[in-house]
Amino acid sequence: GHGRWTADEARAAGYDRWVNAGVTA
């Protein structure tokens, strides 16, 4: 999704792995 999160911010949001991008090929 669209979110420029640090690894710690992503974990705080509930994510083990985060990719800052839209749904593209």
mmCIF file of all heavy atoms, coordinates in Angstrom:
data_MODEL
# 
_entry.id   MODEL 
# 
loop_
_atom_site.group_PDB 
_atom_site.id 
_atom_site.type_symbol 
_atom_site.label_atom_id 
_atom_site.label_alt_id 
_atom_site.label_comp_id 
_atom_site.label_asym_id 
_atom_site.label_entity_id 
_atom_site.label_seq_id 
_atom_site.pdbx_PDB_ins_code 
_atom_site.Cartn_x 
_atom_site.Cartn_y 
_atom_site.Cartn_z 
_atom_site.occupancy 
_atom_site.B_iso_or_equiv 
_atom_site.pdbx_formal_charge 
_atom_site.auth_seq_id 
_atom_site.auth_comp_id 
_atom_site.auth_asym_id 
_atom_site.auth_atom_id 
_atom_site.pdbx_PDB_model_num 
ATOM 1   N N   . GLY A 1 1  ? 0.820  -1.206  0.000   1.00 0.00 ? 1  GLY A N   1 
ATOM 2   C CA  . GLY A 1 1  ? 0.000  0.000   0.000   1.00 0.00 ? 1  GLY A CA  1 
ATOM 3   C C   . GLY A 1 1  ? 0.851  1.251   0.000   1.00 0.00 ? 1  GLY A C   1 
ATOM 4   O O   . GLY A 1 1  ? 2.080  1.195   -0.061  1.00 0.00 ? 1  GLY A O   1 
ATOM 5   N N   . HIS A 1 2  ? 0.189  2.388   0.066   1.00 0.00 ? 2  HIS A N   1 
ATOM 6   C CA  . HIS A 1 2  ? 0.878  3.676   0.012   1.00 0.00 ? 2  HIS A CA  1 
ATOM 7   C C   . HIS A 1 2  ? 1.128  4.188   1.426   1.00 0.00 ? 2  HIS A C   1 
ATOM 8   O O   . HIS A 1 2  ? 0.249  4.761   2.066   1.00 0.00 ? 2  HIS A O   1 
ATOM 9   C CB  . HIS A 1 2  ? 0.056  4.678   -0.791  1.00 0.00 ? 2  HIS A CB  1 
ATOM 10  C CG  . HIS A 1 2  ? -0.144 4.272   -2.221  1.00 0.00 ? 2  HIS A CG  1 
ATOM 11  N ND1 . HIS A 1 2  ? 0.888  4.261   -3.144  1.00 0.00 ? 2  HIS A ND1 1 
ATOM 12  C CD2 . HIS A 1 2  ? -1.244 3.829   -2.876  1.00 0.00 ? 2  HIS A CD2 1 
ATOM 13  C CE1 . HIS A 1 2  ? 0.428  3.847   -4.312  1.00 0.00 ? 2  HIS A CE1 1 
ATOM 14  N NE2 . HIS A 1 2  ? -0.857 3.583   -4.182  1.00 0.00 ? 2  HIS A NE2 1 
ATOM 15  N N   . GLY A 1 3  ? 2.320  3.936   1.921   1.00 0.00 ? 3  GLY A N   1 
ATOM 16  C CA  . GLY A 1 3  ? 2.709  4.378   3.249   1.00 0.00 ? 3  GLY A CA  1 
ATOM 17  C C   . GLY A 1 3  ? 4.215  4.270   3.398   1.00 0.00 ? 3  GLY A C   1 
ATOM 18  O O   . GLY A 1 3  ? 4.759  3.161   3.330   1.00 0.00 ? 3  GLY A O   1 
ATOM 19  N N   . ARG A 1 4  ? 4.872  5.396   3.603   1.00 0.00 ? 4  ARG A N   1 
ATOM 20  C CA  . ARG A 1 4  ? 6.332  5.391   3.743   1.00 0.00 ? 4  ARG A CA  1 
ATOM 21  C C   . ARG A 1 4  ? 6.690  5.139   5.207   1.00 0.00 ? 4  ARG A C   1 
ATOM 22  O O   . ARG A 1 4  ? 7.076  6.047   5.935   1.00 0.00 ? 4  ARG A O   1 
ATOM 23  C CB  . ARG A 1 4  ? 6.911  6.714   3.253   1.00 0.00 ? 4  ARG A CB  1 
ATOM 24  C CG  . ARG A 1 4  ? 6.711  6.942   1.761   1.00 0.00 ? 4  ARG A CG  1 
ATOM 25  C CD  . ARG A 1 4  ? 7.393  8.202   1.277   1.00 0.00 ? 4  ARG A CD  1 
ATOM 26  N NE  . ARG A 1 4  ? 7.222  8.396   -0.157  1.00 0.00 ? 4  ARG A NE  1 
ATOM 27  C CZ  . ARG A 1 4  ? 7.939  7.795   -1.093  1.00 0.00 ? 4  ARG A CZ  1 
ATOM 28  N NH1 . ARG A 1 4  ? 8.910  6.961   -0.743  1.00 0.00 ? 4  ARG A NH1 1 
ATOM 29  N NH2 . ARG A 1 4  ? 7.722  8.031   -2.373  1.00 0.00 ? 4  ARG A NH2 1 
ATOM 30  N N   . TRP A 1 5  ? 6.519  3.891   5.613   1.00 0.00 ? 5  TRP A N   1 
ATOM 31  C CA  . TRP A 1 5  ? 6.752  3.507   6.999   1.00 0.00 ? 5  TRP A CA  1 
ATOM 32  C C   . TRP A 1 5  ? 8.151  2.931   7.172   1.00 0.00 ? 5  TRP A C   1 
ATOM 33  O O   . TRP A 1 5  ? 8.678  2.261   6.286   1.00 0.00 ? 5  TRP A O   1 
ATOM 34  C CB  . TRP A 1 5  ? 5.737  2.457   7.438   1.00 0.00 ? 5  TRP A CB  1 
ATOM 35  C CG  . TRP A 1 5  ? 4.332  2.957   7.556   1.00 0.00 ? 5  TRP A CG  1 
ATOM 36  C CD1 . TRP A 1 5  ? 3.924  4.234   7.776   1.00 0.00 ? 5  TRP A CD1 1 
ATOM 37  C CD2 . TRP A 1 5  ? 3.144  2.171   7.456   1.00 0.00 ? 5  TRP A CD2 1 
ATOM 38  N NE1 . TRP A 1 5  ? 2.558  4.295   7.840   1.00 0.00 ? 5  TRP A NE1 1 
ATOM 39  C CE2 . TRP A 1 5  ? 2.052  3.060   7.647   1.00 0.00 ? 5  TRP A CE2 1 
ATOM 40  C CE3 . TRP A 1 5  ? 2.874  0.821   7.240   1.00 0.00 ? 5  TRP A CE3 1 
ATOM 41  C CZ2 . TRP A 1 5  ? 0.712  2.622   7.623   1.00 0.00 ? 5  TRP A CZ2 1 
ATOM 42  C CZ3 . TRP A 1 5  ? 1.557  0.384   7.222   1.00 0.00 ? 5  TRP A CZ3 1 
ATOM 43  C CH2 . TRP A 1 5  ? 0.504  1.280   7.412   1.00 0.00 ? 5  TRP A CH2 1 
ATOM 44  N N   . THR A 1 6  ? 8.727  3.188   8.342   1.00 0.00 ? 6  THR A N   1 
ATOM 45  C CA  . THR A 1 6  ? 9.938  2.465   8.726   1.00 0.00 ? 6  THR A CA  1 
ATOM 46  C C   . THR A 1 6  ? 9.532  1.046   9.109   1.00 0.00 ? 6  THR A C   1 
ATOM 47  O O   . THR A 1 6  ? 8.347  0.740   9.258   1.00 0.00 ? 6  THR A O   1 
ATOM 48  C CB  . THR A 1 6  ? 10.621 3.140   9.918   1.00 0.00 ? 6  THR A CB  1 
ATOM 49  O OG1 . THR A 1 6  ? 9.744  3.028   11.064  1.00 0.00 ? 6  THR A OG1 1 
ATOM 50  C CG2 . THR A 1 6  ? 10.912 4.613   9.635   1.00 0.00 ? 6  THR A CG2 1 
ATOM 51  N N   . ALA A 1 7  ? 10.523 0.178   9.290   1.00 0.00 ? 7  ALA A N   1 
ATOM 52  C CA  . ALA A 1 7  ? 10.232 -1.201  9.688   1.00 0.00 ? 7  ALA A CA  1 
ATOM 53  C C   . ALA A 1 7  ? 9.495  -1.228  11.029  1.00 0.00 ? 7  ALA A C   1 
ATOM 54  O O   . ALA A 1 7  ? 8.556  -2.013  11.221  1.00 0.00 ? 7  ALA A O   1 
ATOM 55  C CB  . ALA A 1 7  ? 11.521 -2.013  9.768   1.00 0.00 ? 7  ALA A CB  1 
ATOM 56  N N   . ASP A 1 8  ? 9.900  -0.354  11.950  1.00 0.00 ? 8  ASP A N   1 
ATOM 57  C CA  . ASP A 1 8  ? 9.234  -0.308  13.256  1.00 0.00 ? 8  ASP A CA  1 
ATOM 58  C C   . ASP A 1 8  ? 7.803  0.194   13.131  1.00 0.00 ? 8  ASP A C   1 
ATOM 59  O O   . ASP A 1 8  ? 6.894  -0.322  13.801  1.00 0.00 ? 8  ASP A O   1 
ATOM 60  C CB  . ASP A 1 8  ? 10.018 0.603   14.221  1.00 0.00 ? 8  ASP A CB  1 
ATOM 61  C CG  . ASP A 1 8  ? 11.312 -0.033  14.695  1.00 0.00 ? 8  ASP A CG  1 
ATOM 62  O OD1 . ASP A 1 8  ? 11.451 -1.266  14.561  1.00 0.00 ? 8  ASP A OD1 1 
ATOM 63  O OD2 . ASP A 1 8  ? 12.184 0.713   15.184  1.00 0.00 ? 8  ASP A OD2 1 
ATOM 64  N N   . GLU A 1 9  ? 7.580  1.179   12.278  1.00 0.00 ? 9  GLU A N   1 
ATOM 65  C CA  . GLU A 1 9  ? 6.221  1.701   12.072  1.00 0.00 ? 9  GLU A CA  1 
ATOM 66  C C   . GLU A 1 9  ? 5.328  0.646   11.428  1.00 0.00 ? 9  GLU A C   1 
ATOM 67  O O   . GLU A 1 9  ? 4.146  0.514   11.785  1.00 0.00 ? 9  GLU A O   1 
ATOM 68  C CB  . GLU A 1 9  ? 6.270  2.957   11.208  1.00 0.00 ? 9  GLU A CB  1 
ATOM 69  C CG  . GLU A 1 9  ? 6.843  4.174   11.918  1.00 0.00 ? 9  GLU A CG  1 
ATOM 70  C CD  . GLU A 1 9  ? 7.091  5.328   10.981  1.00 0.00 ? 9  GLU A CD  1 
ATOM 71  O OE1 . GLU A 1 9  ? 7.293  5.100   9.768   1.00 0.00 ? 9  GLU A OE1 1 
ATOM 72  O OE2 . GLU A 1 9  ? 7.092  6.486   11.469  1.00 0.00 ? 9  GLU A OE2 1 
ATOM 73  N N   . ALA A 1 10 ? 5.882  -0.102  10.492  1.00 0.00 ? 10 ALA A N   1 
ATOM 74  C CA  . ALA A 1 10 ? 5.107  -1.165  9.850   1.00 0.00 ? 10 ALA A CA  1 
ATOM 75  C C   . ALA A 1 10 ? 4.723  -2.240  10.852  1.00 0.00 ? 10 ALA A C   1 
ATOM 76  O O   . ALA A 1 10 ? 3.585  -2.731  10.863  1.00 0.00 ? 10 ALA A O   1 
ATOM 77  C CB  . ALA A 1 10 ? 5.903  -1.763  8.693   1.00 0.00 ? 10 ALA A CB  1 
ATOM 78  N N   . ARG A 1 11 ? 5.665  -2.616  11.711  1.00 0.00 ? 11 ARG A N   1 
ATOM 79  C CA  . ARG A 1 11 ? 5.355  -3.620  12.737  1.00 0.00 ? 11 ARG A CA  1 
ATOM 80  C C   . ARG A 1 11 ? 4.293  -3.104  13.702  1.00 0.00 ? 11 ARG A C   1 
ATOM 81  O O   . ARG A 1 11 ? 3.405  -3.845  14.116  1.00 0.00 ? 11 ARG A O   1 
ATOM 82  C CB  . ARG A 1 11 ? 6.632  -4.012  13.499  1.00 0.00 ? 11 ARG A CB  1 
ATOM 83  C CG  . ARG A 1 11 ? 7.491  -5.024  12.760  1.00 0.00 ? 11 ARG A CG  1 
ATOM 84  C CD  . ARG A 1 11 ? 8.567  -5.597  13.666  1.00 0.00 ? 11 ARG A CD  1 
ATOM 85  N NE  . ARG A 1 11 ? 9.552  -4.581  14.045  1.00 0.00 ? 11 ARG A NE  1 
ATOM 86  C CZ  . ARG A 1 11 ? 10.640 -4.296  13.342  1.00 0.00 ? 11 ARG A CZ  1 
ATOM 87  N NH1 . ARG A 1 11 ? 10.891 -4.949  12.220  1.00 0.00 ? 11 ARG A NH1 1 
ATOM 88  N NH2 . ARG A 1 11 ? 11.486 -3.367  13.749  1.00 0.00 ? 11 ARG A NH2 1 
ATOM 89  N N   . ALA A 1 12 ? 4.381  -1.826  14.067  1.00 0.00 ? 12 ALA A N   1 
ATOM 90  C CA  . ALA A 1 12 ? 3.386  -1.236  14.958  1.00 0.00 ? 12 ALA A CA  1 
ATOM 91  C C   . ALA A 1 12 ? 2.002  -1.245  14.316  1.00 0.00 ? 12 ALA A C   1 
ATOM 92  O O   . ALA A 1 12 ? 0.982  -1.330  15.010  1.00 0.00 ? 12 ALA A O   1 
ATOM 93  C CB  . ALA A 1 12 ? 3.791  0.187   15.331  1.00 0.00 ? 12 ALA A CB  1 
ATOM 94  N N   . ALA A 1 13 ? 1.948  -1.151  12.979  1.00 0.00 ? 13 ALA A N   1 
ATOM 95  C CA  . ALA A 1 13 ? 0.676  -1.184  12.255  1.00 0.00 ? 13 ALA A CA  1 
ATOM 96  C C   . ALA A 1 13 ? 0.171  -2.603  12.043  1.00 0.00 ? 13 ALA A C   1 
ATOM 97  O O   . ALA A 1 13 ? -0.942 -2.794  11.538  1.00 0.00 ? 13 ALA A O   1 
ATOM 98  C CB  . ALA A 1 13 ? 0.827  -0.484  10.905  1.00 0.00 ? 13 ALA A CB  1 
ATOM 99  N N   . GLY A 1 14 ? 0.995  -3.605  12.399  1.00 0.00 ? 14 GLY A N   1 
ATOM 100 C CA  . GLY A 1 14 ? 0.556  -4.992  12.286  1.00 0.00 ? 14 GLY A CA  1 
ATOM 101 C C   . GLY A 1 14 ? 1.215  -5.787  11.188  1.00 0.00 ? 14 GLY A C   1 
ATOM 102 O O   . GLY A 1 14 ? 0.832  -6.936  10.936  1.00 0.00 ? 14 GLY A O   1 
ATOM 103 N N   . TYR A 1 15 ? 2.246  -5.221  10.529  1.00 0.00 ? 15 TYR A N   1 
ATOM 104 C CA  . TYR A 1 15 ? 2.844  -5.886  9.377   1.00 0.00 ? 15 TYR A CA  1 
ATOM 105 C C   . TYR A 1 15 ? 4.215  -6.470  9.694   1.00 0.00 ? 15 TYR A C   1 
ATOM 106 O O   . TYR A 1 15 ? 5.068  -5.807  10.271  1.00 0.00 ? 15 TYR A O   1 
ATOM 107 C CB  . TYR A 1 15 ? 2.970  -4.900  8.210   1.00 0.00 ? 15 TYR A CB  1 
ATOM 108 C CG  . TYR A 1 15 ? 1.621  -4.490  7.667   1.00 0.00 ? 15 TYR A CG  1 
ATOM 109 C CD1 . TYR A 1 15 ? 1.068  -3.250  7.988   1.00 0.00 ? 15 TYR A CD1 1 
ATOM 110 C CD2 . TYR A 1 15 ? 0.894  -5.350  6.867   1.00 0.00 ? 15 TYR A CD2 1 
ATOM 111 C CE1 . TYR A 1 15 ? -0.173 -2.889  7.512   1.00 0.00 ? 15 TYR A CE1 1 
ATOM 112 C CE2 . TYR A 1 15 ? -0.354 -5.000  6.387   1.00 0.00 ? 15 TYR A CE2 1 
ATOM 113 C CZ  . TYR A 1 15 ? -0.891 -3.772  6.713   1.00 0.00 ? 15 TYR A CZ  1 
ATOM 114 O OH  . TYR A 1 15 ? -2.136 -3.416  6.252   1.00 0.00 ? 15 TYR A OH  1 
ATOM 115 N N   . ASP A 1 16 ? 4.399  -7.714  9.264   1.00 0.00 ? 16 ASP A N   1 
ATOM 116 C CA  . ASP A 1 16 ? 5.717  -8.346  9.354   1.00 0.00 ? 16 ASP A CA  1 
ATOM 117 C C   . ASP A 1 16 ? 6.595  -7.924  8.183   1.00 0.00 ? 16 ASP A C   1 
ATOM 118 O O   . ASP A 1 16 ? 7.826  -7.921  8.287   1.00 0.00 ? 16 ASP A O   1 
ATOM 119 C CB  . ASP A 1 16 ? 5.565  -9.871  9.348   1.00 0.00 ? 16 ASP A CB  1 
ATOM 120 C CG  . ASP A 1 16 ? 4.791  -10.371 10.553  1.00 0.00 ? 16 ASP A CG  1 
ATOM 121 O OD1 . ASP A 1 16 ? 5.350  -10.342 11.659  1.00 0.00 ? 16 ASP A OD1 1 
ATOM 122 O OD2 . ASP A 1 16 ? 3.615  -10.748 10.386  1.00 0.00 ? 16 ASP A OD2 1 
ATOM 123 N N   . ARG A 1 17 ? 5.962  -7.587  7.083   1.00 0.00 ? 17 ARG A N   1 
ATOM 124 C CA  . ARG A 1 17 ? 6.680  -7.154  5.877   1.00 0.00 ? 17 ARG A CA  1 
ATOM 125 C C   . ARG A 1 17 ? 5.822  -6.099  5.195   1.00 0.00 ? 17 ARG A C   1 
ATOM 126 O O   . ARG A 1 17 ? 4.606  -6.280  5.056   1.00 0.00 ? 17 ARG A O   1 
ATOM 127 C CB  . ARG A 1 17 ? 6.918  -8.345  4.944   1.00 0.00 ? 17 ARG A CB  1 
ATOM 128 C CG  . ARG A 1 17 ? 7.590  -8.009  3.615   1.00 0.00 ? 17 ARG A CG  1 
ATOM 129 C CD  . ARG A 1 17 ? 7.831  -9.295  2.838   1.00 0.00 ? 17 ARG A CD  1 
ATOM 130 N NE  . ARG A 1 17 ? 8.342  -9.052  1.496   1.00 0.00 ? 17 ARG A NE  1 
ATOM 131 C CZ  . ARG A 1 17 ? 8.547  -10.018 0.592   1.00 0.00 ? 17 ARG A CZ  1 
ATOM 132 N NH1 . ARG A 1 17 ? 8.300  -11.289 0.910   1.00 0.00 ? 17 ARG A NH1 1 
ATOM 133 N NH2 . ARG A 1 17 ? 9.003  -9.733  -0.608  1.00 0.00 ? 17 ARG A NH2 1 
ATOM 134 N N   . TRP A 1 18 ? 6.422  -5.005  4.785   1.00 0.00 ? 18 TRP A N   1 
ATOM 135 C CA  . TRP A 1 18 ? 5.666  -3.901  4.193   1.00 0.00 ? 18 TRP A CA  1 
ATOM 136 C C   . TRP A 1 18 ? 6.308  -3.465  2.888   1.00 0.00 ? 18 TRP A C   1 
ATOM 137 O O   . TRP A 1 18 ? 7.523  -3.301  2.804   1.00 0.00 ? 18 TRP A O   1 
ATOM 138 C CB  . TRP A 1 18 ? 5.602  -2.711  5.144   1.00 0.00 ? 18 TRP A CB  1 
ATOM 139 C CG  . TRP A 1 18 ? 4.914  -1.521  4.551   1.00 0.00 ? 18 TRP A CG  1 
ATOM 140 C CD1 . TRP A 1 18 ? 5.491  -0.352  4.138   1.00 0.00 ? 18 TRP A CD1 1 
ATOM 141 C CD2 . TRP A 1 18 ? 3.516  -1.401  4.269   1.00 0.00 ? 18 TRP A CD2 1 
ATOM 142 N NE1 . TRP A 1 18 ? 4.534  0.489   3.622   1.00 0.00 ? 18 TRP A NE1 1 
ATOM 143 C CE2 . TRP A 1 18 ? 3.317  -0.131  3.695   1.00 0.00 ? 18 TRP A CE2 1 
ATOM 144 C CE3 . TRP A 1 18 ? 2.416  -2.238  4.455   1.00 0.00 ? 18 TRP A CE3 1 
ATOM 145 C CZ2 . TRP A 1 18 ? 2.058  0.316   3.293   1.00 0.00 ? 18 TRP A CZ2 1 
ATOM 146 C CZ3 . TRP A 1 18 ? 1.168  -1.798  4.064   1.00 0.00 ? 18 TRP A CZ3 1 
ATOM 147 C CH2 . TRP A 1 18 ? 0.991  -0.537  3.494   1.00 0.00 ? 18 TRP A CH2 1 
ATOM 148 N N   . VAL A 1 19 ? 5.471  -3.271  1.865   1.00 0.00 ? 19 VAL A N   1 
ATOM 149 C CA  . VAL A 1 19 ? 5.931  -2.777  0.564   1.00 0.00 ? 19 VAL A CA  1 
ATOM 150 C C   . VAL A 1 19 ? 5.145  -1.513  0.253   1.00 0.00 ? 19 VAL A C   1 
ATOM 151 O O   . VAL A 1 19 ? 3.909  -1.540  0.155   1.00 0.00 ? 19 VAL A O   1 
ATOM 152 C CB  . VAL A 1 19 ? 5.706  -3.823  -0.545  1.00 0.00 ? 19 VAL A CB  1 
ATOM 153 C CG1 . VAL A 1 19 ? 6.164  -3.255  -1.896  1.00 0.00 ? 19 VAL A CG1 1 
ATOM 154 C CG2 . VAL A 1 19 ? 6.456  -5.115  -0.224  1.00 0.00 ? 19 VAL A CG2 1 
ATOM 155 N N   . ASN A 1 20 ? 5.858  -0.400  0.115   1.00 0.00 ? 20 ASN A N   1 
ATOM 156 C CA  . ASN A 1 20 ? 5.226  0.882   -0.182  1.00 0.00 ? 20 ASN A CA  1 
ATOM 157 C C   . ASN A 1 20 ? 5.031  0.989   -1.692  1.00 0.00 ? 20 ASN A C   1 
ATOM 158 O O   . ASN A 1 20 ? 5.905  1.451   -2.425  1.00 0.00 ? 20 ASN A O   1 
ATOM 159 C CB  . ASN A 1 20 ? 6.100  2.030   0.330   1.00 0.00 ? 20 ASN A CB  1 
ATOM 160 C CG  . ASN A 1 20 ? 5.537  3.393   -0.044  1.00 0.00 ? 20 ASN A CG  1 
ATOM 161 O OD1 . ASN A 1 20 ? 4.330  3.567   -0.126  1.00 0.00 ? 20 ASN A OD1 1 
ATOM 162 N ND2 . ASN A 1 20 ? 6.422  4.358   -0.292  1.00 0.00 ? 20 ASN A ND2 1 
ATOM 163 N N   . ALA A 1 21 ? 3.867  0.516   -2.153  1.00 0.00 ? 21 ALA A N   1 
ATOM 164 C CA  . ALA A 1 21 ? 3.581  0.520   -3.594  1.00 0.00 ? 21 ALA A CA  1 
ATOM 165 C C   . ALA A 1 21 ? 2.099  0.260   -3.811  1.00 0.00 ? 21 ALA A C   1 
ATOM 166 O O   . ALA A 1 21 ? 1.405  -0.262  -2.937  1.00 0.00 ? 21 ALA A O   1 
ATOM 167 C CB  . ALA A 1 21 ? 4.408  -0.548  -4.314  1.00 0.00 ? 21 ALA A CB  1 
ATOM 168 N N   . GLY A 1 22 ? 1.631  0.614   -4.992  1.00 0.00 ? 22 GLY A N   1 
ATOM 169 C CA  . GLY A 1 22 ? 0.275  0.277   -5.376  1.00 0.00 ? 22 GLY A CA  1 
ATOM 170 C C   . GLY A 1 22 ? 0.212  -1.147  -5.894  1.00 0.00 ? 22 GLY A C   1 
ATOM 171 O O   . GLY A 1 22 ? 1.227  -1.857  -5.958  1.00 0.00 ? 22 GLY A O   1 
ATOM 172 N N   . VAL A 1 23 ? -0.992 -1.570  -6.267  1.00 0.00 ? 23 VAL A N   1 
ATOM 173 C CA  . VAL A 1 23 ? -1.175 -2.919  -6.803  1.00 0.00 ? 23 VAL A CA  1 
ATOM 174 C C   . VAL A 1 23 ? -0.834 -2.880  -8.289  1.00 0.00 ? 23 VAL A C   1 
ATOM 175 O O   . VAL A 1 23 ? -1.690 -2.670  -9.155  1.00 0.00 ? 23 VAL A O   1 
ATOM 176 C CB  . VAL A 1 23 ? -2.618 -3.414  -6.580  1.00 0.00 ? 23 VAL A CB  1 
ATOM 177 C CG1 . VAL A 1 23 ? -2.766 -4.851  -7.094  1.00 0.00 ? 23 VAL A CG1 1 
ATOM 178 C CG2 . VAL A 1 23 ? -2.983 -3.351  -5.106  1.00 0.00 ? 23 VAL A CG2 1 
ATOM 179 N N   . THR A 1 24 ? 0.448  -3.076  -8.567  1.00 0.00 ? 24 THR A N   1 
ATOM 180 C CA  . THR A 1 24 ? 0.949  -3.099  -9.940  1.00 0.00 ? 24 THR A CA  1 
ATOM 181 C C   . THR A 1 24 ? 1.632  -4.428  -10.189 1.00 0.00 ? 24 THR A C   1 
ATOM 182 O O   . THR A 1 24 ? 2.028  -5.136  -9.246  1.00 0.00 ? 24 THR A O   1 
ATOM 183 C CB  . THR A 1 24 ? 1.959  -1.969  -10.182 1.00 0.00 ? 24 THR A CB  1 
ATOM 184 O OG1 . THR A 1 24 ? 3.121  -2.204  -9.360  1.00 0.00 ? 24 THR A OG1 1 
ATOM 185 C CG2 . THR A 1 24 ? 1.365  -0.610  -9.837  1.00 0.00 ? 24 THR A CG2 1 
ATOM 186 N N   . ALA A 1 25 ? 1.791  -4.766  -11.472 1.00 0.00 ? 25 ALA A N   1 
ATOM 187 C CA  . ALA A 1 25 ? 2.461  -6.019  -11.804 1.00 0.00 ? 25 ALA A CA  1 
ATOM 188 C C   . ALA A 1 25 ? 3.884  -6.040  -11.252 1.00 0.00 ? 25 ALA A C   1 
ATOM 189 O O   . ALA A 1 25 ? 4.355  -7.060  -10.736 1.00 0.00 ? 25 ALA A O   1 
ATOM 190 C CB  . ALA A 1 25 ? 2.460  -6.208  -13.319 1.00 0.00 ? 25 ALA A CB  1 
# 
